[in-house]
């Protein structure tokens, strides 16, 4: 049974699933959250009734990243396991064979930004802030996270964000390529639904093949 991650579908929006993070107040990511993300992504991947996916952290905040206090309690071996669990969860979300949009509200920081970058498209409120902020907690992002960031915005810009840990406003984030679409803060989820709705009449196998073509 999943405690912090849910898959929600509705008759009002057939074919669209919301992959919802719910670990208030900041949706901080732990080993349990990552494992639940992997399970949810695997479930969505195998469901023929789902055509497109919205990755959502609720109307307040997408995710502030890893739960740093929890990480500090781990020994080296446990930390290595936790890093692999996190990497696998982000990879599972990225591998969902359906168009996926991250609906970013509030903040997407550190591992939260990495998770958002696993989606095919990112929509945020025009007041959102994002950043590769791990260094501010005395940590470094993993190689998979930095590779995903560099693919999105280029190597030099990725290094600047990682080395500085600075927060980036929504307009600059869109200019860099971290975000694809901006809207009013209270319209983020509706904009994500509109994006996802465009794919409901496409054959799922064709969409899966189209997405897989980018993996090569």
N, C-alpha and C. Protein backbone atom coordinates (compact mmCIF):
# COMPACT_ATOMS: atom_id res chain seq x y z
N UNK A 1 0.84 -1.20 0.00
CA UNK A 1 0.00 0.00 0.00
C UNK A 1 0.88 1.25 0.00
N UNK A 2 0.59 2.18 -0.90
CA UNK A 2 1.40 3.39 -1.02
C UNK A 2 0.89 4.47 -0.06
N UNK A 3 1.81 5.08 0.67
CA UNK A 3 1.46 6.10 1.65
C UNK A 3 1.62 7.51 1.11
N UNK A 4 2.64 7.73 0.27
CA UNK A 4 2.97 9.08 -0.15
C UNK A 4 2.80 9.34 -1.64
N UNK A 5 2.56 8.30 -2.41
CA UNK A 5 2.43 8.44 -3.87
C UNK A 5 1.16 7.73 -4.31
N UNK A 6 0.36 8.41 -5.12
CA UNK A 6 -0.87 7.80 -5.60
C UNK A 6 -1.04 7.97 -7.10
N UNK A 7 -1.81 7.08 -7.69
CA UNK A 7 -2.18 7.17 -9.10
C UNK A 7 -3.68 7.43 -9.15
N UNK A 8 -4.06 8.56 -9.72
CA UNK A 8 -5.46 8.97 -9.70
C UNK A 8 -5.97 9.17 -11.13
N UNK A 9 -7.11 8.58 -11.40
CA UNK A 9 -7.79 8.74 -12.68
C UNK A 9 -9.23 9.16 -12.39
N UNK A 10 -9.86 9.80 -13.37
CA UNK A 10 -11.24 10.23 -13.17
C UNK A 10 -12.03 10.07 -14.46
N UNK A 11 -13.34 9.90 -14.30
CA UNK A 11 -14.21 9.79 -15.47
C UNK A 11 -14.26 11.11 -16.26
N UNK A 12 -13.99 12.23 -15.56
CA UNK A 12 -14.03 13.53 -16.22
C UNK A 12 -12.87 13.72 -17.18
N UNK A 13 -11.75 13.06 -16.91
CA UNK A 13 -10.58 13.16 -17.78
C UNK A 13 -10.10 11.75 -18.15
N UNK A 14 -10.87 11.06 -19.00
CA UNK A 14 -10.48 9.68 -19.35
C UNK A 14 -9.13 9.65 -20.06
N UNK A 15 -8.37 8.64 -19.73
CA UNK A 15 -7.07 8.45 -20.36
C UNK A 15 -5.93 9.20 -19.69
N UNK A 16 -6.24 10.07 -18.74
CA UNK A 16 -5.21 10.87 -18.07
C UNK A 16 -5.07 10.40 -16.63
N UNK A 17 -3.84 10.11 -16.24
CA UNK A 17 -3.55 9.72 -14.85
C UNK A 17 -2.72 10.81 -14.19
N UNK A 18 -3.00 11.06 -12.93
CA UNK A 18 -2.18 11.96 -12.13
C UNK A 18 -1.34 11.13 -11.18
N UNK A 19 -0.04 11.25 -11.30
CA UNK A 19 0.91 10.61 -10.40
C UNK A 19 1.21 11.65 -9.33
N UNK A 20 0.60 11.48 -8.16
CA UNK A 20 0.57 12.52 -7.14
C UNK A 20 1.52 12.22 -5.99
N UNK A 21 2.44 13.17 -5.73
CA UNK A 21 3.26 13.14 -4.53
C UNK A 21 2.49 13.81 -3.40
N UNK A 22 2.45 13.19 -2.25
CA UNK A 22 1.74 13.79 -1.12
C UNK A 22 2.48 13.47 0.17
N UNK A 23 3.53 14.25 0.42
CA UNK A 23 4.26 14.14 1.68
C UNK A 23 4.49 15.56 2.21
N UNK A 24 3.44 16.15 2.76
CA UNK A 24 3.53 17.54 3.20
C UNK A 24 4.54 17.67 4.36
N UNK A 25 5.11 18.88 4.53
CA UNK A 25 4.71 20.11 3.82
C UNK A 25 5.48 20.38 2.53
N UNK A 26 6.59 19.65 2.29
CA UNK A 26 7.46 20.02 1.15
C UNK A 26 7.66 18.90 0.14
N UNK A 27 6.96 17.78 0.32
CA UNK A 27 7.17 16.61 -0.56
C UNK A 27 8.64 16.21 -0.61
N UNK A 28 9.30 16.26 0.55
CA UNK A 28 10.69 15.80 0.62
C UNK A 28 10.75 14.32 0.29
N UNK A 29 11.80 13.93 -0.43
CA UNK A 29 11.90 12.59 -0.99
C UNK A 29 12.76 11.70 -0.10
N UNK A 30 12.20 10.55 0.25
CA UNK A 30 12.89 9.55 1.06
C UNK A 30 12.96 8.25 0.28
N UNK A 31 13.65 7.26 0.85
CA UNK A 31 13.70 5.95 0.19
C UNK A 31 12.29 5.39 -0.03
N UNK A 32 11.42 5.57 0.96
CA UNK A 32 10.06 5.06 0.80
C UNK A 32 9.33 5.77 -0.34
N UNK A 33 9.47 7.09 -0.40
CA UNK A 33 8.81 7.84 -1.47
C UNK A 33 9.33 7.38 -2.83
N UNK A 34 10.63 7.22 -2.94
CA UNK A 34 11.21 6.77 -4.21
C UNK A 34 10.71 5.37 -4.59
N UNK A 35 10.63 4.49 -3.60
CA UNK A 35 10.14 3.14 -3.91
C UNK A 35 8.68 3.19 -4.36
N UNK A 36 7.90 4.04 -3.71
CA UNK A 36 6.50 4.18 -4.12
C UNK A 36 6.39 4.79 -5.51
N UNK A 37 7.28 5.72 -5.84
CA UNK A 37 7.30 6.29 -7.19
C UNK A 37 7.59 5.20 -8.23
N UNK A 38 8.55 4.35 -7.93
CA UNK A 38 8.87 3.26 -8.85
C UNK A 38 7.68 2.34 -9.06
N UNK A 39 7.02 1.99 -7.97
CA UNK A 39 5.84 1.12 -8.07
C UNK A 39 4.73 1.78 -8.88
N UNK A 40 4.48 3.06 -8.62
CA UNK A 40 3.43 3.78 -9.34
C UNK A 40 3.76 3.91 -10.81
N UNK A 41 5.01 4.22 -11.13
CA UNK A 41 5.41 4.35 -12.53
C UNK A 41 5.27 3.03 -13.27
N UNK A 42 5.61 1.95 -12.60
CA UNK A 42 5.47 0.62 -13.21
C UNK A 42 4.01 0.29 -13.44
N UNK A 43 3.16 0.63 -12.48
CA UNK A 43 1.72 0.41 -12.64
C UNK A 43 1.19 1.18 -13.85
N UNK A 44 1.53 2.46 -13.93
CA UNK A 44 1.05 3.29 -15.04
C UNK A 44 1.53 2.76 -16.37
N UNK A 45 2.79 2.33 -16.41
CA UNK A 45 3.35 1.82 -17.66
C UNK A 45 2.56 0.63 -18.19
N UNK A 46 2.01 -0.18 -17.29
CA UNK A 46 1.30 -1.38 -17.71
C UNK A 46 -0.19 -1.22 -17.93
N UNK A 47 -0.71 -0.01 -17.76
CA UNK A 47 -2.16 0.20 -17.88
C UNK A 47 -2.52 0.74 -19.26
N UNK A 48 -3.33 -0.03 -19.99
CA UNK A 48 -3.75 0.37 -21.32
C UNK A 48 -4.78 1.50 -21.32
N UNK A 49 -5.41 1.74 -20.16
CA UNK A 49 -6.43 2.78 -20.10
C UNK A 49 -5.83 4.18 -19.86
N UNK A 50 -4.53 4.24 -19.68
CA UNK A 50 -3.86 5.52 -19.45
C UNK A 50 -3.06 5.91 -20.69
N UNK A 51 -3.34 7.10 -21.20
CA UNK A 51 -2.66 7.58 -22.40
C UNK A 51 -1.59 8.61 -22.08
N UNK A 52 -1.83 9.45 -21.07
CA UNK A 52 -0.89 10.50 -20.70
C UNK A 52 -0.89 10.67 -19.19
N UNK A 53 0.20 11.24 -18.66
CA UNK A 53 0.41 11.27 -17.21
C UNK A 53 0.80 12.68 -16.77
N UNK A 54 0.21 13.10 -15.64
CA UNK A 54 0.58 14.36 -15.00
C UNK A 54 1.32 14.03 -13.71
N UNK A 55 2.54 14.51 -13.59
CA UNK A 55 3.34 14.35 -12.38
C UNK A 55 3.13 15.61 -11.54
N UNK A 56 2.57 15.46 -10.34
CA UNK A 56 2.06 16.60 -9.59
C UNK A 56 2.40 16.45 -8.11
N UNK A 57 2.76 17.57 -7.48
CA UNK A 57 3.04 17.55 -6.06
C UNK A 57 2.01 18.30 -5.24
N UNK A 58 0.87 18.59 -5.84
CA UNK A 58 -0.15 19.38 -5.15
C UNK A 58 -0.04 20.84 -5.51
N UNK A 59 -0.95 21.64 -5.00
CA UNK A 59 -1.06 23.03 -5.43
C UNK A 59 -0.08 23.97 -4.71
N UNK A 60 0.66 23.47 -3.70
CA UNK A 60 1.56 24.33 -2.94
C UNK A 60 3.01 24.21 -3.38
N UNK A 61 3.50 22.96 -3.49
CA UNK A 61 4.92 22.76 -3.79
C UNK A 61 5.10 21.43 -4.51
N UNK A 62 5.93 21.45 -5.54
CA UNK A 62 6.21 20.22 -6.28
C UNK A 62 7.07 19.29 -5.43
N UNK A 63 8.30 19.70 -5.14
CA UNK A 63 9.15 18.96 -4.22
C UNK A 63 10.39 19.79 -3.89
N UNK A 64 10.72 19.84 -2.61
CA UNK A 64 11.93 20.53 -2.18
C UNK A 64 13.16 19.64 -2.23
N UNK A 65 13.02 18.44 -2.78
CA UNK A 65 14.17 17.57 -2.95
C UNK A 65 14.29 16.51 -1.87
N UNK A 66 15.47 15.95 -1.75
CA UNK A 66 15.69 14.86 -0.80
C UNK A 66 15.48 15.32 0.64
N UNK A 67 15.03 14.40 1.46
CA UNK A 67 14.90 14.66 2.89
C UNK A 67 16.30 14.59 3.50
N UNK A 68 16.95 15.74 3.59
CA UNK A 68 18.35 15.78 4.02
C UNK A 68 18.55 15.26 5.45
N UNK A 69 17.72 15.65 6.42
CA UNK A 69 17.90 15.07 7.76
C UNK A 69 17.85 13.54 7.76
N UNK A 70 16.98 12.97 6.95
CA UNK A 70 16.91 11.51 6.87
C UNK A 70 18.18 10.95 6.24
N UNK A 71 18.70 11.61 5.21
CA UNK A 71 19.94 11.15 4.58
C UNK A 71 21.10 11.15 5.56
N UNK A 72 21.13 12.13 6.44
CA UNK A 72 22.26 12.26 7.37
C UNK A 72 22.27 11.14 8.42
N UNK A 73 21.19 10.41 8.55
CA UNK A 73 21.16 9.30 9.50
C UNK A 73 21.71 8.01 8.91
N UNK A 74 22.01 8.00 7.62
CA UNK A 74 22.42 6.77 6.94
C UNK A 74 23.93 6.60 6.98
N UNK A 75 24.38 5.36 7.14
CA UNK A 75 25.80 5.09 7.00
C UNK A 75 26.15 5.00 5.52
N UNK A 76 27.41 4.76 5.20
CA UNK A 76 27.86 4.79 3.81
C UNK A 76 27.14 3.75 2.95
N UNK A 77 26.99 2.55 3.50
CA UNK A 77 26.33 1.50 2.73
C UNK A 77 24.87 1.84 2.50
N UNK A 78 24.20 2.31 3.54
CA UNK A 78 22.79 2.69 3.40
C UNK A 78 22.64 3.87 2.44
N UNK A 79 23.58 4.80 2.48
CA UNK A 79 23.53 5.93 1.56
C UNK A 79 23.66 5.50 0.11
N UNK A 80 24.52 4.51 -0.13
CA UNK A 80 24.68 4.00 -1.49
C UNK A 80 23.39 3.34 -1.98
N UNK A 81 22.75 2.60 -1.08
CA UNK A 81 21.47 1.97 -1.43
C UNK A 81 20.42 3.04 -1.73
N UNK A 82 20.37 4.06 -0.88
CA UNK A 82 19.40 5.13 -1.07
C UNK A 82 19.61 5.83 -2.40
N UNK A 83 20.86 6.06 -2.77
CA UNK A 83 21.16 6.72 -4.04
C UNK A 83 20.68 5.88 -5.22
N UNK A 84 20.86 4.57 -5.12
CA UNK A 84 20.42 3.68 -6.20
C UNK A 84 18.90 3.62 -6.27
N UNK A 85 18.23 3.62 -5.11
CA UNK A 85 16.77 3.64 -5.09
C UNK A 85 16.25 4.91 -5.75
N UNK A 86 16.89 6.04 -5.45
CA UNK A 86 16.48 7.32 -6.05
C UNK A 86 16.70 7.30 -7.55
N UNK A 87 17.86 6.82 -7.97
CA UNK A 87 18.15 6.77 -9.40
C UNK A 87 17.14 5.90 -10.13
N UNK A 88 16.80 4.77 -9.54
CA UNK A 88 15.85 3.87 -10.17
C UNK A 88 14.46 4.47 -10.27
N UNK A 89 14.06 5.24 -9.27
CA UNK A 89 12.73 5.86 -9.30
C UNK A 89 12.63 6.89 -10.40
N UNK A 90 13.64 7.75 -10.52
CA UNK A 90 13.62 8.77 -11.57
C UNK A 90 13.66 8.11 -12.94
N UNK A 91 14.46 7.06 -13.07
CA UNK A 91 14.53 6.33 -14.34
C UNK A 91 13.18 5.69 -14.67
N UNK A 92 12.49 5.18 -13.66
CA UNK A 92 11.18 4.55 -13.89
C UNK A 92 10.16 5.58 -14.37
N UNK A 93 10.19 6.78 -13.79
CA UNK A 93 9.28 7.84 -14.24
C UNK A 93 9.62 8.24 -15.67
N UNK A 94 10.91 8.40 -15.96
CA UNK A 94 11.32 8.78 -17.31
C UNK A 94 10.95 7.72 -18.34
N UNK A 95 10.90 6.46 -17.92
CA UNK A 95 10.63 5.35 -18.84
C UNK A 95 9.15 5.07 -19.04
N UNK A 96 8.27 5.78 -18.35
CA UNK A 96 6.83 5.57 -18.58
C UNK A 96 6.55 5.76 -20.08
N UNK A 97 5.99 4.76 -20.75
CA UNK A 97 5.87 4.83 -22.20
C UNK A 97 4.65 5.62 -22.67
N UNK A 98 4.45 6.77 -22.06
CA UNK A 98 3.33 7.65 -22.37
C UNK A 98 3.81 9.09 -22.19
N UNK A 99 3.24 10.04 -22.91
CA UNK A 99 3.61 11.45 -22.68
C UNK A 99 3.37 11.83 -21.23
N UNK A 100 4.36 12.49 -20.64
CA UNK A 100 4.32 12.81 -19.22
C UNK A 100 4.65 14.28 -19.03
N UNK A 101 3.83 14.97 -18.24
CA UNK A 101 4.03 16.39 -17.98
C UNK A 101 4.17 16.60 -16.47
N UNK A 102 5.19 17.35 -16.08
CA UNK A 102 5.34 17.73 -14.67
C UNK A 102 4.62 19.06 -14.46
N UNK A 103 3.68 19.07 -13.54
CA UNK A 103 2.96 20.29 -13.16
C UNK A 103 3.65 20.85 -11.92
N UNK A 104 4.50 21.85 -12.12
CA UNK A 104 5.40 22.33 -11.06
C UNK A 104 4.80 23.54 -10.37
N UNK A 105 4.54 23.40 -9.09
CA UNK A 105 4.04 24.50 -8.27
C UNK A 105 5.08 24.83 -7.21
N UNK A 106 5.17 26.09 -6.87
CA UNK A 106 6.04 26.51 -5.77
C UNK A 106 7.51 26.32 -6.06
N UNK A 107 8.05 25.19 -5.63
CA UNK A 107 9.47 24.93 -5.76
C UNK A 107 9.71 23.53 -6.33
N UNK A 108 10.75 23.42 -7.16
CA UNK A 108 11.30 22.12 -7.57
C UNK A 108 12.80 22.24 -7.39
N UNK A 109 13.31 21.70 -6.28
CA UNK A 109 14.69 21.93 -5.88
C UNK A 109 15.44 20.61 -5.76
N UNK A 110 16.71 20.64 -6.11
CA UNK A 110 17.55 19.46 -5.95
C UNK A 110 16.96 18.25 -6.65
N UNK A 111 16.75 17.20 -5.89
CA UNK A 111 16.17 15.98 -6.46
C UNK A 111 14.76 16.20 -6.97
N UNK A 112 14.06 17.23 -6.44
CA UNK A 112 12.74 17.57 -6.97
C UNK A 112 12.84 18.06 -8.40
N UNK A 113 13.86 18.85 -8.70
CA UNK A 113 14.08 19.28 -10.07
C UNK A 113 14.45 18.11 -10.96
N UNK A 114 15.30 17.22 -10.44
CA UNK A 114 15.66 16.03 -11.22
C UNK A 114 14.42 15.22 -11.57
N UNK A 115 13.50 15.08 -10.62
CA UNK A 115 12.27 14.34 -10.88
C UNK A 115 11.44 15.05 -11.95
N UNK A 116 11.33 16.36 -11.87
CA UNK A 116 10.59 17.11 -12.89
C UNK A 116 11.22 16.93 -14.27
N UNK A 117 12.54 16.87 -14.32
CA UNK A 117 13.23 16.70 -15.60
C UNK A 117 13.03 15.32 -16.20
N UNK A 118 12.52 14.39 -15.40
CA UNK A 118 12.21 13.07 -15.93
C UNK A 118 10.95 13.08 -16.78
N UNK A 119 10.14 14.13 -16.67
CA UNK A 119 8.94 14.26 -17.50
C UNK A 119 9.30 14.76 -18.89
N UNK A 120 8.38 14.59 -19.82
CA UNK A 120 8.61 15.03 -21.20
C UNK A 120 8.37 16.52 -21.38
N UNK A 121 7.60 17.11 -20.49
CA UNK A 121 7.22 18.53 -20.60
C UNK A 121 7.04 19.06 -19.18
N UNK A 122 7.36 20.32 -18.97
CA UNK A 122 7.24 20.90 -17.64
C UNK A 122 6.47 22.21 -17.72
N UNK A 123 5.38 22.29 -16.96
CA UNK A 123 4.56 23.49 -16.86
C UNK A 123 4.65 23.98 -15.42
N UNK A 124 4.82 25.29 -15.24
CA UNK A 124 4.89 25.80 -13.87
C UNK A 124 4.14 27.11 -13.75
N UNK A 125 3.87 27.49 -12.51
CA UNK A 125 3.37 28.82 -12.25
C UNK A 125 4.46 29.84 -12.52
N UNK A 126 4.05 31.06 -12.86
CA UNK A 126 5.06 32.08 -13.18
C UNK A 126 5.77 32.60 -11.94
N UNK A 127 5.40 32.06 -10.77
CA UNK A 127 6.08 32.43 -9.52
C UNK A 127 6.97 31.30 -9.00
N UNK A 128 7.10 30.22 -9.75
CA UNK A 128 7.85 29.06 -9.28
C UNK A 128 9.35 29.36 -9.24
N UNK A 129 10.05 28.60 -8.42
CA UNK A 129 11.50 28.68 -8.36
C UNK A 129 12.06 27.26 -8.41
N UNK A 130 13.13 27.11 -9.17
CA UNK A 130 13.76 25.80 -9.32
C UNK A 130 15.26 25.96 -9.08
N UNK A 131 15.94 24.83 -8.87
CA UNK A 131 17.37 24.90 -8.68
C UNK A 131 17.97 23.55 -8.37
N UNK A 132 19.25 23.40 -8.72
CA UNK A 132 20.03 22.22 -8.34
C UNK A 132 20.73 22.58 -7.03
N UNK A 133 20.02 22.46 -5.94
CA UNK A 133 20.40 23.09 -4.67
C UNK A 133 21.13 22.17 -3.70
N UNK A 134 21.52 20.99 -4.14
CA UNK A 134 22.13 20.03 -3.20
C UNK A 134 23.34 20.60 -2.46
N UNK A 135 24.16 21.40 -3.16
CA UNK A 135 25.39 21.90 -2.56
C UNK A 135 25.11 22.79 -1.34
N UNK A 136 23.94 23.40 -1.29
CA UNK A 136 23.59 24.24 -0.15
C UNK A 136 23.43 23.42 1.12
N UNK A 137 23.21 22.12 0.97
CA UNK A 137 23.11 21.22 2.12
C UNK A 137 24.39 20.42 2.32
N UNK A 138 25.45 20.81 1.62
CA UNK A 138 26.71 20.10 1.74
C UNK A 138 26.73 18.78 1.00
N UNK A 139 25.86 18.63 0.00
CA UNK A 139 25.75 17.40 -0.77
C UNK A 139 26.06 17.68 -2.24
N UNK A 140 26.23 16.63 -3.01
CA UNK A 140 26.42 16.76 -4.45
C UNK A 140 25.40 15.89 -5.15
N UNK A 141 24.83 16.36 -6.26
CA UNK A 141 23.91 15.51 -7.01
C UNK A 141 24.66 14.34 -7.63
N UNK A 142 23.93 13.26 -7.87
CA UNK A 142 24.54 12.09 -8.50
C UNK A 142 24.77 12.30 -9.98
N UNK A 143 25.57 11.44 -10.59
CA UNK A 143 25.88 11.59 -12.02
C UNK A 143 24.66 11.49 -12.92
N UNK A 144 23.68 10.70 -12.54
CA UNK A 144 22.47 10.61 -13.36
C UNK A 144 21.71 11.93 -13.32
N UNK A 145 21.67 12.57 -12.16
CA UNK A 145 20.98 13.85 -12.03
C UNK A 145 21.69 14.93 -12.84
N UNK A 146 23.02 14.99 -12.76
CA UNK A 146 23.74 16.01 -13.50
C UNK A 146 23.66 15.77 -15.01
N UNK A 147 23.63 14.51 -15.40
CA UNK A 147 23.49 14.21 -16.84
C UNK A 147 22.13 14.65 -17.35
N UNK A 148 21.10 14.42 -16.58
CA UNK A 148 19.75 14.83 -16.98
C UNK A 148 19.67 16.35 -17.07
N UNK A 149 20.29 17.04 -16.12
CA UNK A 149 20.30 18.50 -16.13
C UNK A 149 21.08 19.03 -17.33
N UNK A 150 22.24 18.44 -17.62
CA UNK A 150 23.06 18.89 -18.74
C UNK A 150 22.36 18.67 -20.07
N UNK A 151 21.62 17.59 -20.19
CA UNK A 151 20.87 17.35 -21.43
C UNK A 151 19.80 18.42 -21.63
N UNK A 152 19.26 18.92 -20.53
CA UNK A 152 18.19 19.90 -20.64
C UNK A 152 18.70 21.29 -20.97
N UNK A 153 19.84 21.69 -20.40
CA UNK A 153 20.25 23.09 -20.51
C UNK A 153 21.68 23.28 -20.98
N UNK A 154 22.40 22.20 -21.24
CA UNK A 154 23.79 22.32 -21.66
C UNK A 154 24.74 22.20 -20.48
N UNK A 155 25.96 21.79 -20.78
CA UNK A 155 26.92 21.46 -19.74
C UNK A 155 27.32 22.67 -18.89
N UNK A 156 27.63 23.78 -19.53
CA UNK A 156 28.11 24.94 -18.79
C UNK A 156 27.04 25.50 -17.86
N UNK A 157 25.82 25.62 -18.37
CA UNK A 157 24.73 26.13 -17.53
C UNK A 157 24.43 25.17 -16.39
N UNK A 158 24.51 23.87 -16.68
CA UNK A 158 24.27 22.87 -15.63
C UNK A 158 25.32 23.00 -14.53
N UNK A 159 26.57 23.15 -14.91
CA UNK A 159 27.62 23.30 -13.91
C UNK A 159 27.41 24.55 -13.08
N UNK A 160 27.00 25.65 -13.71
CA UNK A 160 26.76 26.88 -12.97
C UNK A 160 25.69 26.68 -11.90
N UNK A 161 24.60 26.00 -12.28
CA UNK A 161 23.53 25.78 -11.31
C UNK A 161 23.98 24.85 -10.18
N UNK A 162 24.70 23.79 -10.52
CA UNK A 162 25.13 22.82 -9.51
C UNK A 162 26.17 23.43 -8.57
N UNK A 163 27.15 24.16 -9.13
CA UNK A 163 28.21 24.72 -8.30
C UNK A 163 27.69 25.81 -7.37
N UNK A 164 26.72 26.59 -7.85
CA UNK A 164 26.22 27.72 -7.07
C UNK A 164 25.05 27.34 -6.17
N UNK A 165 24.26 26.35 -6.59
CA UNK A 165 23.06 25.99 -5.85
C UNK A 165 21.99 27.07 -5.87
N UNK A 166 22.09 28.02 -6.79
CA UNK A 166 21.20 29.17 -6.76
C UNK A 166 19.79 28.81 -7.22
N UNK A 167 18.83 29.56 -6.71
CA UNK A 167 17.45 29.43 -7.12
C UNK A 167 17.25 30.20 -8.44
N UNK A 168 16.43 29.66 -9.31
CA UNK A 168 16.16 30.29 -10.59
C UNK A 168 14.66 30.56 -10.69
N UNK A 169 14.30 31.80 -11.01
CA UNK A 169 12.90 32.14 -11.19
C UNK A 169 12.31 31.51 -12.44
N UNK A 170 11.00 31.55 -12.54
CA UNK A 170 10.31 30.83 -13.62
C UNK A 170 10.70 31.34 -15.00
N UNK A 171 10.78 32.64 -15.19
CA UNK A 171 11.11 33.18 -16.51
C UNK A 171 12.51 32.74 -16.95
N UNK A 172 13.47 32.85 -16.06
CA UNK A 172 14.82 32.42 -16.41
C UNK A 172 14.88 30.91 -16.61
N UNK A 173 14.14 30.17 -15.79
CA UNK A 173 14.11 28.71 -15.94
C UNK A 173 13.57 28.31 -17.31
N UNK A 174 12.56 29.03 -17.78
CA UNK A 174 12.05 28.73 -19.13
C UNK A 174 13.08 29.09 -20.19
N UNK A 175 13.75 30.22 -20.01
CA UNK A 175 14.77 30.62 -20.99
C UNK A 175 15.91 29.61 -21.05
N UNK A 176 16.26 29.04 -19.90
CA UNK A 176 17.33 28.04 -19.86
C UNK A 176 16.91 26.71 -20.46
N UNK A 177 15.61 26.38 -20.37
CA UNK A 177 15.12 25.09 -20.82
C UNK A 177 14.74 24.16 -19.69
N UNK A 178 14.74 24.67 -18.46
CA UNK A 178 14.29 23.85 -17.33
C UNK A 178 12.78 23.71 -17.29
N UNK A 179 12.09 24.74 -17.74
CA UNK A 179 10.63 24.75 -17.83
C UNK A 179 10.24 25.02 -19.27
N UNK A 180 9.07 24.51 -19.67
CA UNK A 180 8.62 24.65 -21.06
C UNK A 180 7.45 25.60 -21.22
N UNK A 181 6.68 25.78 -20.17
CA UNK A 181 5.45 26.58 -20.27
C UNK A 181 5.14 27.19 -18.91
N UNK A 182 4.77 28.48 -18.92
CA UNK A 182 4.41 29.17 -17.69
C UNK A 182 2.95 29.56 -17.72
N UNK A 183 2.34 29.58 -16.55
CA UNK A 183 0.95 29.98 -16.44
C UNK A 183 0.73 30.62 -15.07
N UNK A 184 -0.48 31.05 -14.81
CA UNK A 184 -0.79 31.61 -13.49
C UNK A 184 -0.63 30.52 -12.44
N UNK A 185 -0.19 30.86 -11.24
CA UNK A 185 0.07 29.85 -10.21
C UNK A 185 -1.11 28.92 -9.93
N UNK A 186 -2.33 29.45 -10.00
CA UNK A 186 -3.49 28.59 -9.71
C UNK A 186 -3.99 27.85 -10.94
N UNK A 187 -3.28 27.98 -12.06
CA UNK A 187 -3.71 27.30 -13.28
C UNK A 187 -2.78 26.21 -13.75
N UNK A 188 -1.80 25.84 -12.91
CA UNK A 188 -0.77 24.90 -13.34
C UNK A 188 -1.37 23.53 -13.66
N UNK A 189 -2.18 23.00 -12.76
CA UNK A 189 -2.72 21.66 -13.00
C UNK A 189 -3.64 21.65 -14.21
N UNK A 190 -4.48 22.67 -14.35
CA UNK A 190 -5.39 22.73 -15.50
C UNK A 190 -4.61 22.81 -16.81
N UNK A 191 -3.50 23.55 -16.80
CA UNK A 191 -2.67 23.63 -18.01
C UNK A 191 -2.04 22.28 -18.33
N UNK A 192 -1.67 21.54 -17.29
CA UNK A 192 -1.12 20.20 -17.51
C UNK A 192 -2.18 19.26 -18.07
N UNK A 193 -3.40 19.37 -17.59
CA UNK A 193 -4.49 18.56 -18.13
C UNK A 193 -4.70 18.88 -19.60
N UNK A 194 -4.68 20.16 -19.95
CA UNK A 194 -4.86 20.56 -21.35
C UNK A 194 -3.75 19.97 -22.22
N UNK A 195 -2.52 19.97 -21.72
CA UNK A 195 -1.41 19.38 -22.47
C UNK A 195 -1.63 17.88 -22.65
N UNK A 196 -1.99 17.19 -21.57
CA UNK A 196 -2.15 15.74 -21.62
C UNK A 196 -3.34 15.33 -22.48
N UNK A 197 -4.39 16.16 -22.48
CA UNK A 197 -5.62 15.83 -23.20
C UNK A 197 -5.38 15.69 -24.70
N UNK A 198 -4.37 16.35 -25.23
CA UNK A 198 -4.12 16.33 -26.67
C UNK A 198 -3.79 14.94 -27.19
N UNK A 199 -3.37 14.04 -26.30
CA UNK A 199 -2.88 12.74 -26.75
C UNK A 199 -3.88 11.61 -26.55
N UNK A 200 -5.09 11.95 -26.08
CA UNK A 200 -6.03 10.89 -25.72
C UNK A 200 -6.49 10.06 -26.90
N UNK A 201 -6.51 10.63 -28.09
CA UNK A 201 -7.02 9.89 -29.25
C UNK A 201 -5.92 9.23 -30.07
N UNK A 202 -4.67 9.31 -29.59
CA UNK A 202 -3.57 8.67 -30.32
C UNK A 202 -3.44 7.22 -29.87
N UNK A 203 -3.06 6.32 -30.77
CA UNK A 203 -2.87 4.92 -30.37
C UNK A 203 -1.74 4.81 -29.34
N UNK A 204 -1.99 4.18 -28.20
CA UNK A 204 -0.96 4.09 -27.15
C UNK A 204 0.34 3.47 -27.64
N UNK A 205 0.25 2.46 -28.49
CA UNK A 205 1.48 1.81 -28.96
C UNK A 205 2.32 2.76 -29.82
N UNK A 206 1.64 3.60 -30.58
CA UNK A 206 2.37 4.56 -31.41
C UNK A 206 3.04 5.61 -30.55
N UNK A 207 2.33 6.09 -29.53
CA UNK A 207 2.92 7.05 -28.60
C UNK A 207 4.13 6.44 -27.89
N UNK A 208 4.00 5.19 -27.47
CA UNK A 208 5.11 4.51 -26.80
C UNK A 208 6.31 4.39 -27.72
N UNK A 209 6.04 4.05 -28.98
CA UNK A 209 7.15 3.90 -29.93
C UNK A 209 7.79 5.26 -30.22
N UNK A 210 6.97 6.31 -30.30
CA UNK A 210 7.50 7.64 -30.54
C UNK A 210 8.39 8.08 -29.38
N UNK A 211 7.98 7.81 -28.16
CA UNK A 211 8.79 8.17 -27.00
C UNK A 211 10.06 7.35 -26.95
N UNK A 212 9.94 6.06 -27.25
CA UNK A 212 11.12 5.18 -27.23
C UNK A 212 12.16 5.61 -28.26
N UNK A 213 11.71 6.25 -29.35
CA UNK A 213 12.65 6.67 -30.39
C UNK A 213 13.67 7.68 -29.86
N UNK A 214 13.27 8.44 -28.83
CA UNK A 214 14.20 9.41 -28.25
C UNK A 214 15.23 8.77 -27.35
N UNK A 215 14.97 7.53 -26.90
CA UNK A 215 15.90 6.86 -25.99
C UNK A 215 17.15 6.40 -26.71
N UNK A 216 17.07 6.27 -28.02
CA UNK A 216 18.22 5.81 -28.78
C UNK A 216 19.18 6.92 -29.08
